[in-house]
């Protein structure tokens, strides 16, 4: 299974260590699925998660955020954007997430922001899933 995590999923994981998004990050670190990351997406993870308001909400300092992002990079499959599909979405900030999914041949894009992606990922054969839906799939694939 190949997944791209929207930045809002990573933020949710850092803010709620007992939630589904945090469990999803743990599964990524345990290599229970292939995490796909592009350079622009990693830079966005770092910028958003390192923002003062996010660090206060998560209770993490800048070095802890950096360590988490670095750990994700260490287990991820790098994605190069060979083709730019822009513009496809109404929010330009979501374009890099879609590009990572398309260029990485993702099975799904994991987000809380389904409305902003709409039906566009489906035109590339990519599902939109929540963290909880992905966890159910991971657990289901281990049971078989």
N, C-alpha and C. Protein backbone atom coordinates (compact mmCIF):
# COMPACT_ATOMS: atom_id res chain seq x y z
N UNK A 1 0.83 -1.17 0.00
CA UNK A 1 0.00 0.00 0.00
C UNK A 1 0.89 1.24 0.00
N UNK A 2 0.52 2.18 -0.85
CA UNK A 2 1.31 3.40 -1.05
C UNK A 2 0.43 4.61 -0.73
N UNK A 3 0.89 5.43 0.23
CA UNK A 3 0.08 6.56 0.68
C UNK A 3 0.89 7.85 0.74
N UNK A 4 0.20 8.96 0.44
CA UNK A 4 0.71 10.30 0.67
C UNK A 4 -0.12 10.89 1.79
N UNK A 5 0.54 11.47 2.78
CA UNK A 5 -0.15 12.09 3.91
C UNK A 5 -0.20 13.60 3.70
N UNK A 6 -1.39 14.14 3.72
CA UNK A 6 -1.56 15.58 3.66
C UNK A 6 -0.97 16.16 4.94
N UNK A 7 -0.54 17.40 4.88
CA UNK A 7 0.06 18.06 6.04
C UNK A 7 -0.88 18.07 7.24
N UNK A 8 -2.19 18.19 6.99
CA UNK A 8 -3.13 18.23 8.11
C UNK A 8 -3.14 16.93 8.91
N UNK A 9 -2.78 15.83 8.30
CA UNK A 9 -2.69 14.54 8.99
C UNK A 9 -1.47 14.54 9.91
N UNK A 10 -0.36 15.06 9.44
CA UNK A 10 0.86 15.13 10.26
C UNK A 10 0.63 16.08 11.43
N UNK A 11 0.00 17.22 11.18
CA UNK A 11 -0.31 18.16 12.25
C UNK A 11 -1.20 17.50 13.30
N UNK A 12 -2.23 16.79 12.85
CA UNK A 12 -3.13 16.10 13.79
C UNK A 12 -2.37 15.06 14.62
N UNK A 13 -1.43 14.37 13.99
CA UNK A 13 -0.64 13.37 14.71
C UNK A 13 0.19 14.01 15.82
N UNK A 14 0.78 15.15 15.53
CA UNK A 14 1.61 15.81 16.53
C UNK A 14 0.77 16.41 17.66
N UNK A 15 -0.42 16.86 17.32
CA UNK A 15 -1.29 17.48 18.34
C UNK A 15 -2.01 16.45 19.20
N UNK A 16 -2.25 15.27 18.67
CA UNK A 16 -3.01 14.26 19.39
C UNK A 16 -2.29 12.91 19.32
N UNK A 17 -1.31 12.69 20.21
CA UNK A 17 -0.50 11.48 20.13
C UNK A 17 -1.27 10.17 20.31
N UNK A 18 -2.50 10.23 20.81
CA UNK A 18 -3.28 9.02 20.99
C UNK A 18 -4.29 8.81 19.85
N UNK A 19 -4.30 9.70 18.85
CA UNK A 19 -5.29 9.63 17.79
C UNK A 19 -4.88 8.75 16.62
N UNK A 20 -5.81 8.63 15.68
CA UNK A 20 -5.60 7.79 14.50
C UNK A 20 -4.43 8.29 13.64
N UNK A 21 -4.27 9.59 13.53
CA UNK A 21 -3.17 10.12 12.71
C UNK A 21 -1.82 9.79 13.31
N UNK A 22 -1.72 9.84 14.64
CA UNK A 22 -0.46 9.46 15.31
C UNK A 22 -0.19 7.97 15.10
N UNK A 23 -1.23 7.16 15.18
CA UNK A 23 -1.06 5.72 14.93
C UNK A 23 -0.62 5.48 13.49
N UNK A 24 -1.14 6.29 12.58
CA UNK A 24 -0.74 6.17 11.18
C UNK A 24 0.74 6.50 11.00
N UNK A 25 1.22 7.57 11.67
CA UNK A 25 2.65 7.89 11.60
C UNK A 25 3.49 6.75 12.17
N UNK A 26 3.04 6.15 13.26
CA UNK A 26 3.77 5.00 13.83
C UNK A 26 3.83 3.86 12.83
N UNK A 27 2.73 3.62 12.13
CA UNK A 27 2.73 2.57 11.10
C UNK A 27 3.68 2.91 9.97
N UNK A 28 3.76 4.18 9.61
CA UNK A 28 4.72 4.60 8.58
C UNK A 28 6.15 4.34 9.05
N UNK A 29 6.43 4.72 10.28
CA UNK A 29 7.78 4.52 10.82
C UNK A 29 8.13 3.04 10.95
N UNK A 30 7.11 2.21 11.16
CA UNK A 30 7.32 0.76 11.23
C UNK A 30 7.29 0.11 9.84
N UNK A 31 7.15 0.93 8.81
CA UNK A 31 7.14 0.49 7.41
C UNK A 31 6.02 -0.51 7.11
N UNK A 32 4.86 -0.27 7.69
CA UNK A 32 3.70 -1.12 7.43
C UNK A 32 2.99 -0.70 6.14
N UNK A 33 3.41 0.41 5.58
CA UNK A 33 2.96 0.86 4.26
C UNK A 33 4.07 1.72 3.70
N UNK A 34 3.99 2.00 2.42
CA UNK A 34 4.99 2.85 1.78
C UNK A 34 4.52 4.29 1.86
N UNK A 35 5.26 5.09 2.59
CA UNK A 35 5.01 6.52 2.69
C UNK A 35 5.71 7.19 1.53
N UNK A 36 4.99 8.00 0.78
CA UNK A 36 5.54 8.71 -0.36
C UNK A 36 5.73 10.18 0.01
N UNK A 37 6.93 10.70 -0.25
CA UNK A 37 7.24 12.09 0.09
C UNK A 37 8.01 12.76 -1.04
N UNK A 38 7.63 13.99 -1.33
CA UNK A 38 8.39 14.83 -2.27
C UNK A 38 9.09 15.91 -1.46
N UNK A 39 10.09 16.52 -2.04
CA UNK A 39 10.80 17.60 -1.35
C UNK A 39 9.86 18.74 -0.97
N UNK A 40 8.99 19.23 -1.89
CA UNK A 40 8.09 20.31 -1.48
C UNK A 40 7.17 19.92 -0.32
N UNK A 41 6.73 18.68 -0.29
CA UNK A 41 5.84 18.24 0.79
C UNK A 41 6.58 18.17 2.12
N UNK A 42 7.81 17.69 2.11
CA UNK A 42 8.62 17.66 3.34
C UNK A 42 8.86 19.08 3.85
N UNK A 43 9.16 19.99 2.95
CA UNK A 43 9.38 21.38 3.36
C UNK A 43 8.11 21.98 3.97
N UNK A 44 6.96 21.60 3.42
CA UNK A 44 5.71 22.08 4.01
C UNK A 44 5.48 21.46 5.39
N UNK A 45 5.73 20.16 5.53
CA UNK A 45 5.61 19.52 6.85
C UNK A 45 6.43 20.31 7.88
N UNK A 46 7.70 20.57 7.52
CA UNK A 46 8.60 21.27 8.45
C UNK A 46 8.10 22.67 8.77
N UNK A 47 7.70 23.41 7.74
CA UNK A 47 7.27 24.79 7.95
C UNK A 47 6.02 24.87 8.80
N UNK A 48 5.03 24.08 8.49
CA UNK A 48 3.76 24.13 9.22
C UNK A 48 3.92 23.59 10.64
N UNK A 49 4.56 22.45 10.77
CA UNK A 49 4.69 21.82 12.09
C UNK A 49 5.64 22.57 13.02
N UNK A 50 6.55 23.36 12.44
CA UNK A 50 7.50 24.14 13.25
C UNK A 50 6.98 25.52 13.61
N UNK A 51 5.86 25.90 13.06
CA UNK A 51 5.30 27.22 13.37
C UNK A 51 5.02 27.31 14.88
N UNK A 52 5.27 28.46 15.47
CA UNK A 52 5.08 28.59 16.92
C UNK A 52 3.73 28.12 17.43
N UNK A 53 2.66 28.46 16.75
CA UNK A 53 1.32 28.05 17.22
C UNK A 53 1.18 26.52 17.21
N UNK A 54 1.74 25.88 16.19
CA UNK A 54 1.66 24.41 16.11
C UNK A 54 2.52 23.75 17.19
N UNK A 55 3.70 24.32 17.44
CA UNK A 55 4.57 23.75 18.48
C UNK A 55 3.93 23.89 19.85
N UNK A 56 3.29 25.02 20.11
CA UNK A 56 2.60 25.19 21.40
C UNK A 56 1.47 24.17 21.53
N UNK A 57 0.68 24.01 20.46
CA UNK A 57 -0.45 23.08 20.49
C UNK A 57 0.01 21.63 20.66
N UNK A 58 1.15 21.30 20.07
CA UNK A 58 1.64 19.92 20.15
C UNK A 58 2.50 19.67 21.37
N UNK A 59 3.03 20.74 21.97
CA UNK A 59 3.91 20.59 23.12
C UNK A 59 5.31 20.14 22.72
N UNK A 60 5.65 20.28 21.45
CA UNK A 60 6.96 19.85 20.96
C UNK A 60 7.83 21.07 20.69
N UNK A 61 9.13 20.91 20.89
CA UNK A 61 10.03 22.00 20.52
C UNK A 61 10.52 21.78 19.09
N UNK A 62 11.23 22.74 18.56
CA UNK A 62 11.65 22.70 17.16
C UNK A 62 12.52 21.48 16.85
N UNK A 63 13.37 21.08 17.78
CA UNK A 63 14.23 19.92 17.53
C UNK A 63 13.42 18.62 17.50
N UNK A 64 12.37 18.54 18.30
CA UNK A 64 11.51 17.35 18.28
C UNK A 64 10.72 17.26 16.98
N UNK A 65 10.22 18.39 16.51
CA UNK A 65 9.51 18.41 15.23
C UNK A 65 10.47 18.00 14.11
N UNK A 66 11.65 18.55 14.12
CA UNK A 66 12.65 18.21 13.12
C UNK A 66 13.00 16.72 13.14
N UNK A 67 13.11 16.16 14.33
CA UNK A 67 13.42 14.72 14.46
C UNK A 67 12.30 13.86 13.88
N UNK A 68 11.06 14.27 14.10
CA UNK A 68 9.92 13.50 13.57
C UNK A 68 9.89 13.57 12.05
N UNK A 69 10.06 14.76 11.51
CA UNK A 69 10.07 14.91 10.05
C UNK A 69 11.25 14.14 9.45
N UNK A 70 12.40 14.19 10.08
CA UNK A 70 13.57 13.44 9.59
C UNK A 70 13.32 11.95 9.63
N UNK A 71 12.67 11.47 10.67
CA UNK A 71 12.35 10.04 10.77
C UNK A 71 11.40 9.62 9.65
N UNK A 72 10.43 10.46 9.34
CA UNK A 72 9.52 10.16 8.23
C UNK A 72 10.29 10.11 6.92
N UNK A 73 11.19 11.05 6.73
CA UNK A 73 12.01 11.06 5.51
C UNK A 73 12.86 9.79 5.39
N UNK A 74 13.34 9.30 6.51
CA UNK A 74 14.21 8.13 6.51
C UNK A 74 13.49 6.87 6.04
N UNK A 75 12.18 6.79 6.28
CA UNK A 75 11.44 5.59 5.90
C UNK A 75 10.65 5.76 4.61
N UNK A 76 10.55 6.98 4.11
CA UNK A 76 9.71 7.26 2.95
C UNK A 76 10.40 6.91 1.64
N UNK A 77 9.57 6.68 0.64
CA UNK A 77 10.05 6.54 -0.73
C UNK A 77 10.01 7.93 -1.36
N UNK A 78 11.15 8.42 -1.83
CA UNK A 78 11.15 9.77 -2.42
C UNK A 78 10.39 9.80 -3.74
N UNK A 79 9.70 10.89 -3.96
CA UNK A 79 8.93 11.08 -5.19
C UNK A 79 9.46 12.32 -5.90
N UNK A 80 9.79 12.15 -7.15
CA UNK A 80 10.19 13.29 -7.98
C UNK A 80 8.99 13.69 -8.83
N UNK A 81 8.76 14.97 -8.93
CA UNK A 81 7.67 15.46 -9.77
C UNK A 81 8.15 15.60 -11.20
N UNK A 82 7.87 14.59 -11.98
CA UNK A 82 8.27 14.62 -13.38
C UNK A 82 7.26 15.38 -14.23
N UNK A 83 6.02 15.32 -13.81
CA UNK A 83 4.96 16.02 -14.52
C UNK A 83 4.21 16.88 -13.53
N UNK A 84 4.00 18.11 -13.86
CA UNK A 84 3.22 19.01 -13.02
C UNK A 84 1.82 19.06 -13.60
N UNK A 85 0.84 18.79 -12.78
CA UNK A 85 -0.55 18.70 -13.24
C UNK A 85 -1.32 19.97 -12.97
N UNK A 86 -0.65 21.01 -12.52
CA UNK A 86 -1.32 22.22 -12.07
C UNK A 86 -1.93 23.00 -13.23
N UNK A 87 -2.97 23.71 -12.96
CA UNK A 87 -3.78 23.68 -11.74
C UNK A 87 -4.89 22.63 -11.85
N UNK A 88 -5.12 21.92 -10.79
CA UNK A 88 -6.19 20.92 -10.72
C UNK A 88 -7.16 21.23 -9.58
N UNK A 89 -6.63 21.89 -8.54
CA UNK A 89 -7.41 22.08 -7.32
C UNK A 89 -7.67 23.56 -7.06
N UNK A 90 -8.68 23.83 -6.25
CA UNK A 90 -9.00 25.23 -5.96
C UNK A 90 -8.03 25.86 -4.97
N UNK A 91 -7.36 25.04 -4.14
CA UNK A 91 -6.37 25.55 -3.18
C UNK A 91 -4.97 25.22 -3.70
N UNK A 92 -4.21 26.21 -4.14
CA UNK A 92 -2.88 25.95 -4.69
C UNK A 92 -1.95 25.22 -3.71
N UNK A 93 -2.16 25.37 -2.41
CA UNK A 93 -1.31 24.70 -1.43
C UNK A 93 -1.50 23.19 -1.46
N UNK A 94 -2.63 22.72 -1.96
CA UNK A 94 -2.88 21.27 -2.03
C UNK A 94 -2.29 20.63 -3.28
N UNK A 95 -1.87 21.44 -4.23
CA UNK A 95 -1.35 20.91 -5.48
C UNK A 95 -0.12 20.01 -5.27
N UNK A 96 0.78 20.40 -4.34
CA UNK A 96 1.99 19.60 -4.13
C UNK A 96 1.66 18.23 -3.53
N UNK A 97 0.59 18.16 -2.76
CA UNK A 97 0.15 16.89 -2.18
C UNK A 97 -0.37 15.98 -3.30
N UNK A 98 -1.20 16.54 -4.16
CA UNK A 98 -1.71 15.78 -5.30
C UNK A 98 -0.58 15.34 -6.22
N UNK A 99 0.37 16.24 -6.49
CA UNK A 99 1.50 15.88 -7.36
C UNK A 99 2.32 14.74 -6.79
N UNK A 100 2.54 14.74 -5.47
CA UNK A 100 3.28 13.63 -4.85
C UNK A 100 2.51 12.33 -5.02
N UNK A 101 1.19 12.39 -4.86
CA UNK A 101 0.38 11.18 -5.00
C UNK A 101 0.38 10.67 -6.44
N UNK A 102 0.21 11.56 -7.39
CA UNK A 102 0.18 11.15 -8.80
C UNK A 102 1.54 10.62 -9.24
N UNK A 103 2.59 11.38 -8.98
CA UNK A 103 3.93 10.96 -9.42
C UNK A 103 4.46 9.76 -8.66
N UNK A 104 3.98 9.56 -7.42
CA UNK A 104 4.41 8.40 -6.63
C UNK A 104 3.54 7.18 -6.82
N UNK A 105 2.54 7.29 -7.71
CA UNK A 105 1.62 6.18 -7.95
C UNK A 105 0.97 5.70 -6.65
N UNK A 106 0.47 6.66 -5.88
CA UNK A 106 -0.15 6.35 -4.59
C UNK A 106 -1.47 5.61 -4.79
N UNK A 107 -1.74 4.74 -3.83
CA UNK A 107 -3.06 4.11 -3.79
C UNK A 107 -4.08 5.09 -3.23
N UNK A 108 -3.61 5.92 -2.28
CA UNK A 108 -4.53 6.88 -1.66
C UNK A 108 -3.78 8.09 -1.15
N UNK A 109 -4.52 9.16 -1.05
CA UNK A 109 -4.07 10.40 -0.44
C UNK A 109 -4.85 10.50 0.87
N UNK A 110 -4.14 10.64 1.97
CA UNK A 110 -4.76 10.64 3.30
C UNK A 110 -4.91 12.08 3.76
N UNK A 111 -6.15 12.49 4.04
CA UNK A 111 -6.42 13.88 4.37
C UNK A 111 -7.70 14.02 5.18
N UNK A 112 -7.81 15.14 5.87
CA UNK A 112 -9.06 15.54 6.50
C UNK A 112 -9.78 16.55 5.62
N UNK A 113 -9.18 16.89 4.51
CA UNK A 113 -9.60 17.99 3.66
C UNK A 113 -10.22 17.48 2.36
N UNK A 114 -11.13 16.55 2.46
CA UNK A 114 -11.71 15.90 1.29
C UNK A 114 -12.35 16.90 0.33
N UNK A 115 -13.01 17.90 0.87
CA UNK A 115 -13.75 18.84 0.02
C UNK A 115 -12.81 19.60 -0.93
N UNK A 116 -11.64 20.00 -0.44
CA UNK A 116 -10.73 20.75 -1.30
C UNK A 116 -10.14 19.89 -2.42
N UNK A 117 -10.05 18.59 -2.22
CA UNK A 117 -9.52 17.71 -3.28
C UNK A 117 -10.63 17.27 -4.23
N UNK A 118 -11.85 17.19 -3.74
CA UNK A 118 -12.98 16.82 -4.58
C UNK A 118 -12.78 15.48 -5.26
N UNK A 119 -13.14 15.43 -6.52
CA UNK A 119 -13.04 14.19 -7.30
C UNK A 119 -11.74 14.11 -8.11
N UNK A 120 -10.90 15.12 -8.01
CA UNK A 120 -9.68 15.17 -8.83
C UNK A 120 -8.78 13.95 -8.62
N UNK A 121 -8.47 13.54 -7.38
CA UNK A 121 -7.61 12.36 -7.23
C UNK A 121 -8.16 11.11 -7.92
N UNK A 122 -9.47 10.96 -7.91
CA UNK A 122 -10.08 9.79 -8.55
C UNK A 122 -9.80 9.74 -10.04
N UNK A 123 -9.63 10.90 -10.68
CA UNK A 123 -9.32 10.91 -12.11
C UNK A 123 -7.94 10.31 -12.39
N UNK A 124 -7.10 10.24 -11.35
CA UNK A 124 -5.78 9.62 -11.47
C UNK A 124 -5.75 8.23 -10.82
N UNK A 125 -6.92 7.73 -10.42
CA UNK A 125 -6.99 6.41 -9.78
C UNK A 125 -6.54 6.41 -8.33
N UNK A 126 -6.63 7.56 -7.67
CA UNK A 126 -6.17 7.70 -6.29
C UNK A 126 -7.38 7.94 -5.39
N UNK A 127 -7.48 7.14 -4.34
CA UNK A 127 -8.57 7.31 -3.38
C UNK A 127 -8.24 8.42 -2.39
N UNK A 128 -9.27 9.02 -1.83
CA UNK A 128 -9.13 9.94 -0.70
C UNK A 128 -9.60 9.19 0.53
N UNK A 129 -8.72 9.09 1.53
CA UNK A 129 -9.05 8.34 2.74
C UNK A 129 -8.70 9.16 3.98
N UNK A 130 -9.34 8.82 5.08
CA UNK A 130 -8.99 9.39 6.38
C UNK A 130 -7.92 8.51 7.03
N UNK A 131 -7.31 9.02 8.07
CA UNK A 131 -6.32 8.24 8.82
C UNK A 131 -6.94 6.95 9.34
N UNK A 132 -8.14 7.05 9.85
CA UNK A 132 -8.83 5.89 10.41
C UNK A 132 -9.11 4.83 9.33
N UNK A 133 -9.51 5.26 8.15
CA UNK A 133 -9.76 4.32 7.06
C UNK A 133 -8.47 3.58 6.67
N UNK A 134 -7.37 4.30 6.64
CA UNK A 134 -6.09 3.67 6.30
C UNK A 134 -5.69 2.67 7.38
N UNK A 135 -5.87 3.03 8.64
CA UNK A 135 -5.54 2.10 9.72
C UNK A 135 -6.35 0.81 9.60
N UNK A 136 -7.62 0.91 9.25
CA UNK A 136 -8.44 -0.29 9.05
C UNK A 136 -7.88 -1.15 7.92
N UNK A 137 -7.43 -0.52 6.87
CA UNK A 137 -6.85 -1.28 5.74
C UNK A 137 -5.55 -1.97 6.15
N UNK A 138 -4.73 -1.25 6.88
CA UNK A 138 -3.45 -1.82 7.32
C UNK A 138 -3.71 -3.03 8.21
N UNK A 139 -4.60 -2.87 9.16
CA UNK A 139 -4.94 -3.98 10.06
C UNK A 139 -5.54 -5.15 9.31
N UNK A 140 -6.38 -4.85 8.31
CA UNK A 140 -7.00 -5.89 7.51
C UNK A 140 -5.99 -6.65 6.69
N UNK A 141 -4.97 -5.95 6.17
CA UNK A 141 -3.97 -6.62 5.33
C UNK A 141 -3.04 -7.49 6.17
N UNK A 142 -2.87 -7.15 7.45
CA UNK A 142 -2.03 -7.99 8.32
C UNK A 142 -2.76 -9.23 8.76
N UNK A 143 -4.10 -9.18 8.78
CA UNK A 143 -4.89 -10.32 9.23
C UNK A 143 -4.97 -11.41 8.19
N UNK A 144 -4.72 -11.05 6.92
CA UNK A 144 -4.84 -12.04 5.85
C UNK A 144 -3.56 -12.74 5.59
